[in-house]
PDB file of N, CA and C in Angstrom:
ATOM      1  N   MET A   1      12.368  -5.940   6.856  1.00  0.00           N
ATOM      2  CA  MET A   1      12.498  -4.574   6.371  1.00  0.00           C
ATOM      3  C   MET A   1      12.221  -4.481   4.874  1.00  0.00           C
ATOM      4  N   GLU A   2      12.382  -5.590   4.169  1.00  0.00           N
ATOM      5  CA  GLU A   2      12.159  -5.572   2.723  1.00  0.00           C
ATOM      6  C   GLU A   2      10.709  -5.214   2.393  1.00  0.00           C
ATOM      7  N   LYS A   3       9.781  -5.782   3.133  1.00  0.00           N
ATOM      8  CA  LYS A   3       8.367  -5.500   2.866  1.00  0.00           C
ATOM      9  C   LYS A   3       8.012  -4.066   3.236  1.00  0.00           C
ATOM     10  N   PHE A   4       8.658  -3.541   4.273  1.00  0.00           N
ATOM     11  CA  PHE A   4       8.416  -2.151   4.651  1.00  0.00           C
ATOM     12  C   PHE A   4       8.861  -1.221   3.535  1.00  0.00           C
ATOM     13  N   SER A   5       9.967  -1.543   2.900  1.00  0.00           N
ATOM     14  CA  SER A   5      10.436  -0.752   1.759  1.00  0.00           C
ATOM     15  C   SER A   5       9.453  -0.836   0.599  1.00  0.00           C
ATOM     16  N   LYS A   6       8.856  -2.016   0.414  1.00  0.00           N
ATOM     17  CA  LYS A   6       7.851  -2.180  -0.637  1.00  0.00           C
ATOM     18  C   LYS A   6       6.632  -1.304  -0.359  1.00  0.00           C
ATOM     19  N   ILE A   7       6.258  -1.178   0.907  1.00  0.00           N
ATOM     20  CA  ILE A   7       5.115  -0.323   1.263  1.00  0.00           C
ATOM     21  C   ILE A   7       5.415   1.126   0.896  1.00  0.00           C
ATOM     22  N   LYS A   8       6.609   1.595   1.223  1.00  0.00           N
ATOM     23  CA  LYS A   8       6.963   2.972   0.895  1.00  0.00           C
ATOM     24  C   LYS A   8       6.939   3.198  -0.609  1.00  0.00           C
ATOM     25  N   ALA A   9       7.440   2.241  -1.370  1.00  0.00           N
ATOM     26  CA  ALA A   9       7.443   2.371  -2.827  1.00  0.00           C
ATOM     27  C   ALA A   9       6.024   2.344  -3.382  1.00  0.00           C
ATOM     28  N   LEU A  10       5.171   1.519  -2.804  1.00  0.00           N
ATOM     29  CA  LEU A  10       3.785   1.421  -3.260  1.00  0.00           C
ATOM     30  C   LEU A  10       3.032   2.726  -3.004  1.00  0.00           C
ATOM     31  N   VAL A  11       3.227   3.304  -1.843  1.00  0.00           N
ATOM     32  CA  VAL A  11       2.580   4.576  -1.528  1.00  0.00           C
ATOM     33  C   VAL A  11       3.039   5.657  -2.501  1.00  0.00           C
ATOM     34  N   ALA A  12       4.314   5.671  -2.792  1.00  0.00           N
ATOM     35  CA  ALA A  12       4.841   6.665  -3.735  1.00  0.00           C
ATOM     36  C   ALA A  12       4.260   6.473  -5.130  1.00  0.00           C
ATOM     37  N   SER A  13       4.076   5.205  -5.533  1.00  0.00           N
ATOM     38  CA  SER A  13       3.552   4.958  -6.876  1.00  0.00           C
ATOM     39  C   SER A  13       2.072   5.308  -6.984  1.00  0.00           C
ATOM     40  N   VAL A  14       1.334   5.216  -5.890  1.00  0.00           N
ATOM     41  CA  VAL A  14      -0.100   5.513  -5.900  1.00  0.00           C
ATOM     42  C   VAL A  14      -0.349   7.023  -5.807  1.00  0.00           C
ATOM     43  N   GLU A  15       0.622   7.752  -5.331  1.00  0.00           N
ATOM     44  CA  GLU A  15       0.451   9.187  -5.099  1.00  0.00           C
ATOM     45  C   GLU A  15       0.031   9.947  -6.355  1.00  0.00           C
ATOM     46  N   ALA A  16       0.639   9.652  -7.482  1.00  0.00           N
ATOM     47  CA  ALA A  16       0.300  10.357  -8.723  1.00  0.00           C
ATOM     48  C   ALA A  16      -1.140  10.083  -9.131  1.00  0.00           C
ATOM     49  N   ASP A  17      -1.577   8.828  -9.010  1.00  0.00           N
ATOM     50  CA  ASP A  17      -2.955   8.503  -9.357  1.00  0.00           C
ATOM     51  C   ASP A  17      -3.940   9.141  -8.382  1.00  0.00           C
ATOM     52  N   ALA A  18      -3.578   9.216  -7.118  1.00  0.00           N
ATOM     53  CA  ALA A  18      -4.453   9.854  -6.135  1.00  0.00           C
ATOM     54  C   ALA A  18      -4.639  11.335  -6.475  1.00  0.00           C
ATOM     55  N   GLU A  19      -3.565  11.972  -6.881  1.00  0.00           N
ATOM     56  CA  GLU A  19      -3.649  13.383  -7.269  1.00  0.00           C
ATOM     57  C   GLU A  19      -4.553  13.551  -8.492  1.00  0.00           C
ATOM     58  N   LYS A  20      -4.401  12.666  -9.473  1.00  0.00           N
ATOM     59  CA  LYS A  20      -5.245  12.725 -10.672  1.00  0.00           C
ATOM     60  C   LYS A  20      -6.720  12.522 -10.321  1.00  0.00           C
ATOM     61  N   PHE A  21      -6.978  11.610  -9.410  1.00  0.00           N
ATOM     62  CA  PHE A  21      -8.359  11.318  -9.037  1.00  0.00           C
ATOM     63  C   PHE A  21      -8.982  12.476  -8.269  1.00  0.00           C
ATOM     64  N   TYR A  22      -8.305  12.943  -7.235  1.00  0.00           N
ATOM     65  CA  TYR A  22      -8.893  13.978  -6.368  1.00  0.00           C
ATOM     66  C   TYR A  22      -8.885  15.362  -7.006  1.00  0.00           C
ATOM     67  N   ASN A  23      -7.852  15.686  -7.745  1.00  0.00           N
ATOM     68  CA  ASN A  23      -7.762  17.035  -8.302  1.00  0.00           C
ATOM     69  C   ASN A  23      -8.351  17.164  -9.699  1.00  0.00           C
ATOM     70  N   ALA A  24      -8.240  16.098 -10.511  1.00  0.00           N
ATOM     71  CA  ALA A  24      -8.703  16.188 -11.890  1.00  0.00           C
ATOM     72  C   ALA A  24      -9.987  15.402 -12.140  1.00  0.00           C
ATOM     73  N   GLY A  25     -10.404  14.611 -11.142  1.00  0.00           N
ATOM     74  CA  GLY A  25     -11.630  13.849 -11.297  1.00  0.00           C
ATOM     75  C   GLY A  25     -11.508  12.675 -12.251  1.00  0.00           C
ATOM     76  N   ASN A  26     -10.311  12.164 -12.429  1.00  0.00           N
ATOM     77  CA  ASN A  26     -10.060  11.049 -13.346  1.00  0.00           C
ATOM     78  C   ASN A  26     -10.513   9.744 -12.683  1.00  0.00           C
ATOM     79  N   ALA A  27     -11.614   9.151 -13.196  1.00  0.00           N
ATOM     80  CA  ALA A  27     -12.193   7.948 -12.594  1.00  0.00           C
ATOM     81  C   ALA A  27     -11.265   6.744 -12.717  1.00  0.00           C
ATOM     82  N   ALA A  28     -10.551   6.624 -13.833  1.00  0.00           N
ATOM     83  CA  ALA A  28      -9.634   5.498 -14.007  1.00  0.00           C
ATOM     84  C   ALA A  28      -8.507   5.549 -12.971  1.00  0.00           C
ATOM     85  N   ALA A  29      -8.058   6.748 -12.653  1.00  0.00           N
ATOM     86  CA  ALA A  29      -7.030   6.896 -11.623  1.00  0.00           C
ATOM     87  C   ALA A  29      -7.576   6.456 -10.266  1.00  0.00           C
ATOM     88  N   GLY A  30      -8.856   6.694 -10.025  1.00  0.00           N
ATOM     89  CA  GLY A  30      -9.488   6.247  -8.779  1.00  0.00           C
ATOM     90  C   GLY A  30      -9.467   4.732  -8.665  1.00  0.00           C
ATOM     91  N   THR A  31      -9.681   4.055  -9.780  1.00  0.00           N
ATOM     92  CA  THR A  31      -9.634   2.593  -9.787  1.00  0.00           C
ATOM     93  C   THR A  31      -8.224   2.113  -9.450  1.00  0.00           C
ATOM     94  N   ARG A  32      -7.225   2.772 -10.006  1.00  0.00           N
ATOM     95  CA  ARG A  32      -5.841   2.395  -9.711  1.00  0.00           C
ATOM     96  C   ARG A  32      -5.498   2.678  -8.255  1.00  0.00           C
ATOM     97  N   VAL A  33      -6.039   3.751  -7.707  1.00  0.00           N
ATOM     98  CA  VAL A  33      -5.808   4.065  -6.294  1.00  0.00           C
ATOM     99  C   VAL A  33      -6.416   2.968  -5.419  1.00  0.00           C
ATOM    100  N   ARG A  34      -7.633   2.558  -5.750  1.00  0.00           N
ATOM    101  CA  ARG A  34      -8.285   1.498  -4.966  1.00  0.00           C
ATOM    102  C   ARG A  34      -7.479   0.200  -5.013  1.00  0.00           C
ATOM    103  N   LYS A  35      -6.961  -0.160  -6.175  1.00  0.00           N
ATOM    104  CA  LYS A  35      -6.148  -1.367  -6.301  1.00  0.00           C
ATOM    105  C   LYS A  35      -4.871  -1.236  -5.482  1.00  0.00           C
ATOM    106  N   GLY A  36      -4.249  -0.071  -5.570  1.00  0.00           N
ATOM    107  CA  GLY A  36      -3.025   0.160  -4.809  1.00  0.00           C
ATOM    108  C   GLY A  36      -3.258   0.088  -3.313  1.00  0.00           C
ATOM    109  N   MET A  37      -4.386   0.608  -2.861  1.00  0.00           N
ATOM    110  CA  MET A  37      -4.708   0.558  -1.431  1.00  0.00           C
ATOM    111  C   MET A  37      -4.981  -0.876  -0.981  1.00  0.00           C
ATOM    112  N   GLN A  38      -5.593  -1.679  -1.844  1.00  0.00           N
ATOM    113  CA  GLN A  38      -5.823  -3.091  -1.515  1.00  0.00           C
ATOM    114  C   GLN A  38      -4.490  -3.832  -1.412  1.00  0.00           C
ATOM    115  N   ASP A  39      -3.580  -3.557  -2.337  1.00  0.00           N
ATOM    116  CA  ASP A  39      -2.247  -4.161  -2.275  1.00  0.00           C
ATOM    117  C   ASP A  39      -1.530  -3.734  -1.002  1.00  0.00           C
ATOM    118  N   LEU A  40      -1.677  -2.471  -0.641  1.00  0.00           N
ATOM    119  CA  LEU A  40      -1.071  -1.945   0.576  1.00  0.00           C
ATOM    120  C   LEU A  40      -1.625  -2.650   1.806  1.00  0.00           C
ATOM    121  N   LYS A  41      -2.924  -2.843   1.831  1.00  0.00           N
ATOM    122  CA  LYS A  41      -3.566  -3.529   2.953  1.00  0.00           C
ATOM    123  C   LYS A  41      -3.021  -4.950   3.093  1.00  0.00           C
ATOM    124  N   ASN A  42      -2.917  -5.655   1.973  1.00  0.00           N
ATOM    125  CA  ASN A  42      -2.422  -7.034   2.011  1.00  0.00           C
ATOM    126  C   ASN A  42      -0.970  -7.099   2.474  1.00  0.00           C
ATOM    127  N   LEU A  43      -0.164  -6.185   1.993  1.00  0.00           N
ATOM    128  CA  LEU A  43       1.238  -6.146   2.393  1.00  0.00           C
ATOM    129  C   LEU A  43       1.373  -5.807   3.878  1.00  0.00           C
ATOM    130  N   ALA A  44       0.563  -4.877   4.344  1.00  0.00           N
ATOM    131  CA  ALA A  44       0.586  -4.516   5.761  1.00  0.00           C
ATOM    132  C   ALA A  44       0.176  -5.707   6.629  1.00  0.00           C
ATOM    133  N   GLN A  45      -0.786  -6.472   6.178  1.00  0.00           N
ATOM    134  CA  GLN A  45      -1.220  -7.651   6.929  1.00  0.00           C
ATOM    135  C   GLN A  45      -0.102  -8.682   7.006  1.00  0.00           C
ATOM    136  N   GLU A  46       0.635  -8.857   5.921  1.00  0.00           N
ATOM    137  CA  GLU A  46       1.771  -9.782   5.935  1.00  0.00           C
ATOM    138  C   GLU A  46       2.821  -9.335   6.947  1.00  0.00           C
ATOM    139  N   ILE A  47       3.083  -8.036   6.979  1.00  0.00           N
ATOM    140  CA  ILE A  47       4.063  -7.504   7.928  1.00  0.00           C
ATOM    141  C   ILE A  47       3.576  -7.714   9.357  1.00  0.00           C
ATOM    142  N   ARG A  48       2.302  -7.480   9.599  1.00  0.00           N
ATOM    143  CA  ARG A  48       1.749  -7.693  10.942  1.00  0.00           C
ATOM    144  C   ARG A  48       1.941  -9.141  11.373  1.00  0.00           C
ATOM    145  N   ALA A  49       1.690 -10.084  10.469  1.00  0.00           N
ATOM    146  CA  ALA A  49       1.843 -11.500  10.801  1.00  0.00           C
ATOM    147  C   ALA A  49       3.305 -11.831  11.108  1.00  0.00           C
ATOM    148  N   GLU A  50       4.220 -11.279  10.322  1.00  0.00           N
ATOM    149  CA  GLU A  50       5.643 -11.519  10.571  1.00  0.00           C
ATOM    150  C   GLU A  50       6.083 -10.956  11.915  1.00  0.00           C
ATOM    151  N   VAL A  51       5.619  -9.755  12.238  1.00  0.00           N
ATOM    152  CA  VAL A  51       5.989  -9.130  13.511  1.00  0.00           C
ATOM    153  C   VAL A  51       5.451  -9.963  14.673  1.00  0.00           C
ATOM    154  N   THR A  52       4.219 -10.392  14.564  1.00  0.00           N
ATOM    155  CA  THR A  52       3.627 -11.207  15.630  1.00  0.00           C
ATOM    156  C   THR A  52       4.382 -12.512  15.803  1.00  0.00           C
ATOM    157  N   GLU A  53       4.737 -13.159  14.691  1.00  0.00           N
ATOM    158  CA  GLU A  53       5.460 -14.419  14.749  1.00  0.00           C
ATOM    159  C   GLU A  53       6.827 -14.230  15.390  1.00  0.00           C
ATOM    160  N   LYS A  54       7.514 -13.174  14.968  1.00  0.00           N
ATOM    161  CA  LYS A  54       8.851 -12.916  15.521  1.00  0.00           C
ATOM    162  C   LYS A  54       8.782 -12.573  17.008  1.00  0.00           C
ATOM    163  N   LYS A  55       7.764 -11.805  17.368  1.00  0.00           N
ATOM    164  CA  LYS A  55       7.596 -11.402  18.770  1.00  0.00           C
ATOM    165  C   LYS A  55       7.311 -12.622  19.643  1.00  0.00           C
ATOM    166  N   ASN A  56       6.521 -13.552  19.145  1.00  0.00           N
ATOM    167  CA  ASN A  56       6.129 -14.718  19.948  1.00  0.00           C
ATOM    168  C   ASN A  56       7.204 -15.790  20.003  1.00  0.00           C
ATOM    169  N   THR A  57       8.216 -15.720  19.156  1.00  0.00           N
ATOM    170  CA  THR A  57       9.275 -16.723  19.200  1.00  0.00           C
ATOM    171  C   THR A  57      10.385 -16.354  20.171  1.00  0.00           C
ATOM    172  N   LYS A  58      10.337 -15.172  20.726  1.00  0.00           N
ATOM    173  CA  LYS A  58      11.375 -14.757  21.691  1.00  0.00           C
ATOM    174  C   LYS A  58      11.100 -15.314  23.057  1.00  0.00           C
TER     175      LYS A  58
END
């Protein structure tokens, strides 16, 4: 559950930059959004691996 909480916090932190990028056209904010989405992808993959491992050990 700890990693799931990290995902929620990461999405919340990227939200402001996403708004700046889409509404104000701020290119630097777009770069931060892309980095945040990559971090999100990696974290989600870790969670998927943990779920699969836990499921297969039962």
